[in-house]
Amino acid sequence: MAVTVVLQVPAQPGKGAELAKSFEDILPDTRAYKGCNGVTVHEDASDPDKLILIEHWDSAEDHTAYSNWRKDSGTLGGVMGLAAGRPVTTVYNDLS
């Protein structure tokens, strides 16, 4: 079943734009990963240090495989160094 994943990542104060740029730098690999149908980065309209990524995947299993690859590859170190806390991931089943 297709899923939409929402990843909430708070940036360190004043680092929202830098965090968004860091995500954009690594997203070509995400978009090319098996099962990924797209991912976009968004900032809160009233607080540019609150970011979310909205990801569309063929299945939760594809997203899990991708997440494991990201953790194992170590590519998130620089990105997460700009975060103010742990990201929150929510997976939604696509019903339409």
Protein backbone atom coordinates (compact mmCIF):
# COMPACT_ATOMS: atom_id res chain seq x y z
CA MET A 1 0.00 0.00 0.00
CA ALA A 2 1.28 3.45 -0.89
CA VAL A 3 2.19 5.72 2.00
CA THR A 4 2.87 9.37 2.68
CA VAL A 5 5.57 10.07 5.25
CA VAL A 6 5.74 13.36 7.14
CA LEU A 7 9.11 14.06 8.75
CA GLN A 8 9.14 16.97 11.21
CA VAL A 9 12.60 18.38 11.87
CA PRO A 10 13.10 21.42 14.11
CA ALA A 11 16.18 23.46 13.17
CA GLN A 12 18.51 25.08 15.65
CA PRO A 13 17.51 28.73 16.13
CA GLY A 14 18.30 30.69 12.98
CA LYS A 15 19.41 27.57 11.06
CA GLY A 16 16.18 26.74 9.21
CA ALA A 17 17.38 27.92 5.79
CA GLU A 18 20.69 26.10 6.21
CA LEU A 19 18.90 22.90 7.24
CA ALA A 20 16.53 23.16 4.27
CA LYS A 21 19.53 23.59 1.94
CA SER A 22 21.23 20.55 3.49
CA PHE A 23 18.12 18.47 2.83
CA GLU A 24 17.91 19.72 -0.76
CA ASP A 25 21.55 18.67 -1.27
CA ILE A 26 20.82 15.03 -0.36
CA LEU A 27 17.31 14.71 -1.79
CA PRO A 28 18.34 13.70 -5.33
CA ASP A 29 19.43 10.34 -3.87
CA THR A 30 16.16 10.07 -1.97
CA ARG A 31 14.10 10.79 -5.07
CA ALA A 32 16.06 8.15 -6.99
CA TYR A 33 15.64 5.49 -4.28
CA LYS A 34 13.48 2.47 -5.11
CA GLY A 35 9.85 3.17 -4.28
CA CYS A 36 10.16 6.93 -3.78
CA ASN A 37 7.57 8.88 -5.74
CA GLY A 38 8.65 12.31 -4.55
CA VAL A 39 9.74 14.34 -1.56
CA THR A 40 9.37 18.05 -0.81
CA VAL A 41 10.69 20.33 1.93
CA HIS A 42 8.44 22.89 3.63
CA GLU A 43 8.94 25.53 6.32
CA ASP A 44 6.36 26.72 8.80
CA ALA A 45 4.91 30.03 7.53
CA SER A 46 5.35 31.64 10.95
CA ASP A 47 8.62 29.97 12.02
CA PRO A 48 11.29 29.23 9.38
CA ASP A 49 13.13 27.01 11.88
CA LYS A 50 10.31 24.43 11.77
CA LEU A 51 10.65 22.20 8.73
CA ILE A 52 8.75 19.22 7.43
CA LEU A 53 9.48 16.86 4.59
CA ILE A 54 6.57 15.23 2.80
CA GLU A 55 7.53 11.97 1.14
CA HIS A 56 5.48 9.68 -1.10
CA TRP A 57 6.43 5.99 -1.23
CA ASP A 58 5.13 2.87 -2.96
CA SER A 59 5.05 1.12 0.42
CA ALA A 60 6.04 1.43 4.07
CA GLU A 61 8.62 -1.30 3.41
CA ASP A 62 10.30 0.84 0.73
CA HIS A 63 10.46 3.75 3.15
CA THR A 64 11.88 1.54 5.89
CA ALA A 65 14.58 0.21 3.52
CA TYR A 66 15.43 3.79 2.56
CA SER A 67 15.58 4.92 6.20
CA ASN A 68 17.90 2.06 7.06
CA TRP A 69 20.11 2.92 4.09
CA ARG A 70 20.33 6.56 5.22
CA LYS A 71 21.27 5.52 8.78
CA ASP A 72 23.84 2.99 7.58
CA SER A 73 25.40 5.33 5.00
CA GLY A 74 26.09 8.07 7.57
CA THR A 75 24.84 10.80 5.20
CA LEU A 76 22.52 12.31 7.79
CA GLY A 77 25.27 13.46 10.15
CA GLY A 78 25.71 16.90 8.61
CA VAL A 79 22.01 17.42 8.15
CA MET A 80 21.04 16.35 11.65
CA GLY A 81 23.85 18.48 13.10
CA LEU A 82 21.62 21.46 12.26
CA ALA A 83 18.55 20.00 13.98
CA ALA A 84 17.37 21.19 17.38
CA GLY A 85 16.02 17.79 18.36
CA ARG A 86 15.09 14.36 17.13
CA PRO A 87 12.96 14.25 14.01
CA VAL A 88 9.42 12.95 14.30
CA THR A 89 8.27 10.61 11.54
CA THR A 90 4.62 9.81 10.87
CA VAL A 91 3.57 7.31 8.20
CA TYR A 92 0.11 7.64 6.66
CA ASN A 93 -1.56 5.02 4.49
CA ASP A 94 -2.81 6.52 1.23
CA LEU A 95 -6.55 5.90 1.01
CA SER A 96 -7.39 7.64 -2.25
